[in-house]
Amino acid sequence: MRQRRTKWHNVLIGQQGSVMLAALDGRPLALFYRGSSPTRPGSAEIFGFSGRPDGWGTGIASALMIAAFGGLRESGIAHVHLWTLRYTPR
């Protein structure tokens, strides 16, 4: 548990990737977390992208993904990869 807290502390202060949060009416509804790919040098990896169910259908996740990929492009990152779980429902 301590290692998890330390990991997120380092992520949130920008030492291990970057986090983008999308909010609607002051409520955080979607999160994007990315960093350098540990397996593909010169590439980025999306470590997490999630949305709260009360944000589904609002377009907030699409807006966040567009902004996130724009940020990757502006950073000069040309290749991005993402691992997914086979049975993730959304």
Protein backbone atom coordinates (compact mmCIF):
# COMPACT_ATOMS: atom_id res chain seq x y z
CA MET A 1 0.00 0.00 0.00
CA ARG A 2 2.82 2.42 0.83
CA GLN A 3 4.42 1.84 -2.58
CA ARG A 4 1.10 2.69 -4.28
CA ARG A 5 0.81 5.97 -2.39
CA THR A 6 4.39 6.87 -3.28
CA LYS A 7 3.78 5.98 -6.92
CA TRP A 8 0.77 8.29 -7.21
CA HIS A 9 2.56 11.06 -5.34
CA ASN A 10 5.39 10.87 -7.89
CA VAL A 11 2.93 10.75 -10.78
CA LEU A 12 0.98 13.75 -9.54
CA ILE A 13 4.08 15.90 -9.05
CA GLY A 14 5.15 15.08 -12.60
CA GLN A 15 8.07 12.76 -11.96
CA GLN A 16 6.56 9.67 -13.56
CA GLY A 17 4.47 10.72 -16.53
CA SER A 18 1.60 13.13 -16.71
CA VAL A 19 -2.03 13.17 -15.71
CA MET A 20 -4.91 15.06 -17.29
CA LEU A 21 -8.25 15.35 -15.57
CA ALA A 22 -11.49 16.39 -17.27
CA ALA A 23 -14.26 17.97 -15.26
CA LEU A 24 -17.78 19.10 -16.02
CA ASP A 25 -19.53 21.60 -13.74
CA GLY A 26 -16.66 21.22 -11.27
CA ARG A 27 -16.98 17.42 -11.06
CA PRO A 28 -13.98 15.33 -12.19
CA LEU A 29 -15.33 12.78 -14.67
CA ALA A 30 -12.39 11.40 -16.65
CA LEU A 31 -8.69 10.74 -16.09
CA PHE A 32 -5.82 10.21 -18.55
CA TYR A 33 -2.39 9.04 -17.34
CA ARG A 34 0.59 8.55 -19.63
CA GLY A 35 4.36 8.29 -19.55
CA SER A 36 7.36 7.00 -21.40
CA SER A 37 6.92 3.45 -22.62
CA PRO A 38 9.01 1.03 -20.58
CA THR A 39 9.06 -1.45 -23.48
CA ARG A 40 9.22 0.76 -26.58
CA PRO A 41 11.94 3.44 -26.45
CA GLY A 42 10.89 6.79 -27.91
CA SER A 43 7.20 5.97 -27.53
CA ALA A 44 4.61 6.89 -24.94
CA GLU A 45 2.29 4.49 -23.18
CA ILE A 46 -1.19 5.25 -21.94
CA PHE A 47 -1.17 3.76 -18.46
CA GLY A 48 -4.71 4.69 -17.62
CA PHE A 49 -7.81 6.19 -19.11
CA SER A 50 -11.01 6.02 -17.17
CA GLY A 51 -14.33 7.75 -16.91
CA ARG A 52 -16.93 7.86 -14.18
CA PRO A 53 -20.30 6.35 -15.12
CA ASP A 54 -22.06 9.66 -14.42
CA GLY A 55 -19.96 11.17 -17.22
CA TRP A 56 -20.85 8.54 -19.81
CA GLY A 57 -22.64 10.06 -22.76
CA THR A 58 -21.54 13.63 -21.97
CA GLY A 59 -18.65 13.69 -24.45
CA ILE A 60 -16.15 14.41 -21.67
CA ALA A 61 -14.04 11.31 -22.38
CA SER A 62 -13.82 12.15 -26.09
CA ALA A 63 -12.81 15.72 -25.29
CA LEU A 64 -10.13 14.47 -22.89
CA MET A 65 -8.75 11.97 -25.41
CA ILE A 66 -8.55 14.67 -28.12
CA ALA A 67 -6.74 17.02 -25.72
CA ALA A 68 -4.43 14.25 -24.54
CA PHE A 69 -3.40 13.23 -28.04
CA GLY A 70 -2.92 16.89 -28.94
CA GLY A 71 -0.54 17.20 -25.99
CA LEU A 72 1.35 14.11 -27.08
CA ARG A 73 1.70 15.51 -30.58
CA GLU A 74 2.89 18.89 -29.27
CA SER A 75 5.50 17.05 -27.18
CA GLY A 76 6.87 15.49 -30.35
CA ILE A 77 5.71 11.98 -29.51
CA ALA A 78 4.88 10.10 -32.69
CA HIS A 79 4.05 6.64 -31.31
CA VAL A 80 1.71 5.72 -28.48
CA HIS A 81 0.51 2.35 -27.27
CA LEU A 82 -2.09 1.12 -24.83
CA TRP A 83 -2.69 -2.24 -23.24
CA THR A 84 -6.29 -3.18 -22.57
CA LEU A 85 -8.02 -5.96 -20.73
CA ARG A 86 -9.93 -8.34 -22.95
CA TYR A 87 -13.21 -8.13 -21.09
CA THR A 88 -13.33 -4.45 -20.21
CA PRO A 89 -17.00 -3.55 -20.75
CA ARG A 90 -16.50 0.10 -21.83
